[in-house]
Amino acid sequence: MTYKEFLELLEELQLDLDSASEALDLEISDIEAWEEEEEIPKSAEKWIKKEKVEFATLNNTNEDNNFEEEENEELVDDDDDDLDLDNEIDEEEK
């Protein structure tokens, strides 16, 4: 993974270099030095991929909850066509 790809993933995950430096226990200047390298260290690549999986899991959880709420709203029947009010009145009179 290149430094540019690493930065793109950070942005996608709404993280910054401060977050990466804390998680990887590195100085920001050390991370910025990766720009001169062909690839970032494997430990950083492993960390960012793990963050991406966790981010996707969190987003999928929220989407599933919203889907269930929408599905439940569709099940509510606001139509009164099924009500037989005449029948209810007849039964009350008896």
Protein backbone atom coordinates (compact mmCIF):
# COMPACT_ATOMS: atom_id res chain seq x y z
CA MET A 1 0.00 0.00 0.00
CA THR A 2 1.33 3.42 -0.92
CA TYR A 3 1.33 6.49 1.29
CA LYS A 4 -1.27 8.09 -0.98
CA GLU A 5 -3.59 5.07 -0.60
CA PHE A 6 -3.05 5.21 3.15
CA LEU A 7 -4.09 8.88 3.24
CA GLU A 8 -7.16 8.15 1.09
CA LEU A 9 -8.24 5.40 3.49
CA LEU A 10 -7.71 7.71 6.46
CA GLU A 11 -9.97 10.27 4.81
CA GLU A 12 -12.58 7.63 3.95
CA LEU A 13 -12.60 6.51 7.58
CA GLN A 14 -12.79 10.13 8.76
CA LEU A 15 -9.44 9.82 10.54
CA ASP A 16 -6.40 12.07 10.44
CA LEU A 17 -2.65 11.72 10.89
CA ASP A 18 -3.01 12.44 14.62
CA SER A 19 -5.28 9.41 14.98
CA ALA A 20 -2.89 7.25 12.98
CA SER A 21 0.14 8.40 14.96
CA GLU A 22 -1.59 7.60 18.26
CA ALA A 23 -2.78 4.19 17.09
CA LEU A 24 0.59 3.25 15.61
CA ASP A 25 2.60 4.88 18.42
CA LEU A 26 4.60 6.97 15.93
CA GLU A 27 5.36 10.63 15.43
CA ILE A 28 3.44 12.34 12.63
CA SER A 29 6.76 13.19 11.00
CA ASP A 30 7.59 9.45 10.87
CA ILE A 31 4.31 8.77 9.07
CA GLU A 32 4.84 11.68 6.67
CA ALA A 33 8.28 10.23 5.83
CA TRP A 34 6.49 7.23 4.26
CA GLU A 35 5.68 9.47 1.31
CA GLU A 36 9.27 8.95 0.13
CA GLU A 37 8.96 5.14 0.37
CA GLU A 38 7.37 2.80 -2.19
CA GLU A 39 5.17 1.20 0.46
CA ILE A 40 4.08 1.97 4.00
CA PRO A 41 5.10 -0.42 6.80
CA LYS A 42 3.07 -3.63 7.02
CA SER A 43 1.99 -2.79 10.59
CA ALA A 44 0.38 0.45 9.35
CA GLU A 45 -1.27 -1.34 6.45
CA LYS A 46 -2.64 -3.99 8.81
CA TRP A 47 -3.96 -1.29 11.19
CA ILE A 48 -5.73 0.75 8.50
CA LYS A 49 -7.35 -2.34 7.01
CA LYS A 50 -8.59 -3.35 10.47
CA GLU A 51 -10.03 0.16 10.94
CA LYS A 52 -11.77 -0.11 7.58
CA VAL A 53 -13.44 -3.39 8.57
CA GLU A 54 -14.59 -1.93 11.90
CA PHE A 55 -15.89 1.19 10.15
CA ALA A 56 -17.84 -0.90 7.67
CA THR A 57 -19.30 -2.98 10.49
CA LEU A 58 -20.47 0.13 12.33
CA ASN A 59 -22.03 1.57 9.18
CA ASN A 60 -23.78 -1.67 8.31
CA THR A 61 -25.26 -1.87 11.80
CA ASN A 62 -26.79 1.58 11.41
CA GLU A 63 -28.16 0.76 7.98
CA ASP A 64 -29.75 -2.43 9.25
CA ASN A 65 -31.47 -0.58 12.10
CA ASN A 66 -32.86 2.00 9.70
CA PHE A 67 -34.07 -0.74 7.39
CA GLU A 68 -35.97 -2.43 10.23
CA GLU A 69 -37.57 0.86 11.24
CA GLU A 70 -38.68 1.52 7.66
CA GLU A 71 -39.99 -2.02 7.35
CA ASN A 72 -42.04 -1.64 10.55
CA GLU A 73 -43.49 1.65 9.32
CA GLU A 74 -44.69 -0.08 6.16
CA LEU A 75 -46.49 -2.70 8.25
CA VAL A 76 -48.69 -0.08 9.93
CA ASP A 77 -52.01 -0.07 8.09
CA ASP A 78 -53.74 3.29 8.25
CA ASP A 79 -56.62 2.14 6.04
CA ASP A 80 -59.97 1.88 7.79
CA ASP A 81 -61.45 -0.17 4.92
CA ASP A 82 -61.20 -3.38 6.93
CA LEU A 83 -63.29 -2.06 9.80
CA ASP A 84 -66.94 -3.14 9.79
CA LEU A 85 -68.48 -0.39 11.91
CA ASP A 86 -72.04 -1.41 11.01
CA ASN A 87 -71.44 -4.85 12.45
CA GLU A 88 -70.04 -3.39 15.67
CA ILE A 89 -73.13 -1.18 16.11
CA ASP A 90 -75.50 -4.13 15.54
CA GLU A 91 -73.70 -6.18 18.17
CA GLU A 92 -73.88 -3.34 20.70
CA GLU A 93 -77.65 -3.02 20.22
CA LYS A 94 -78.22 -6.73 20.95
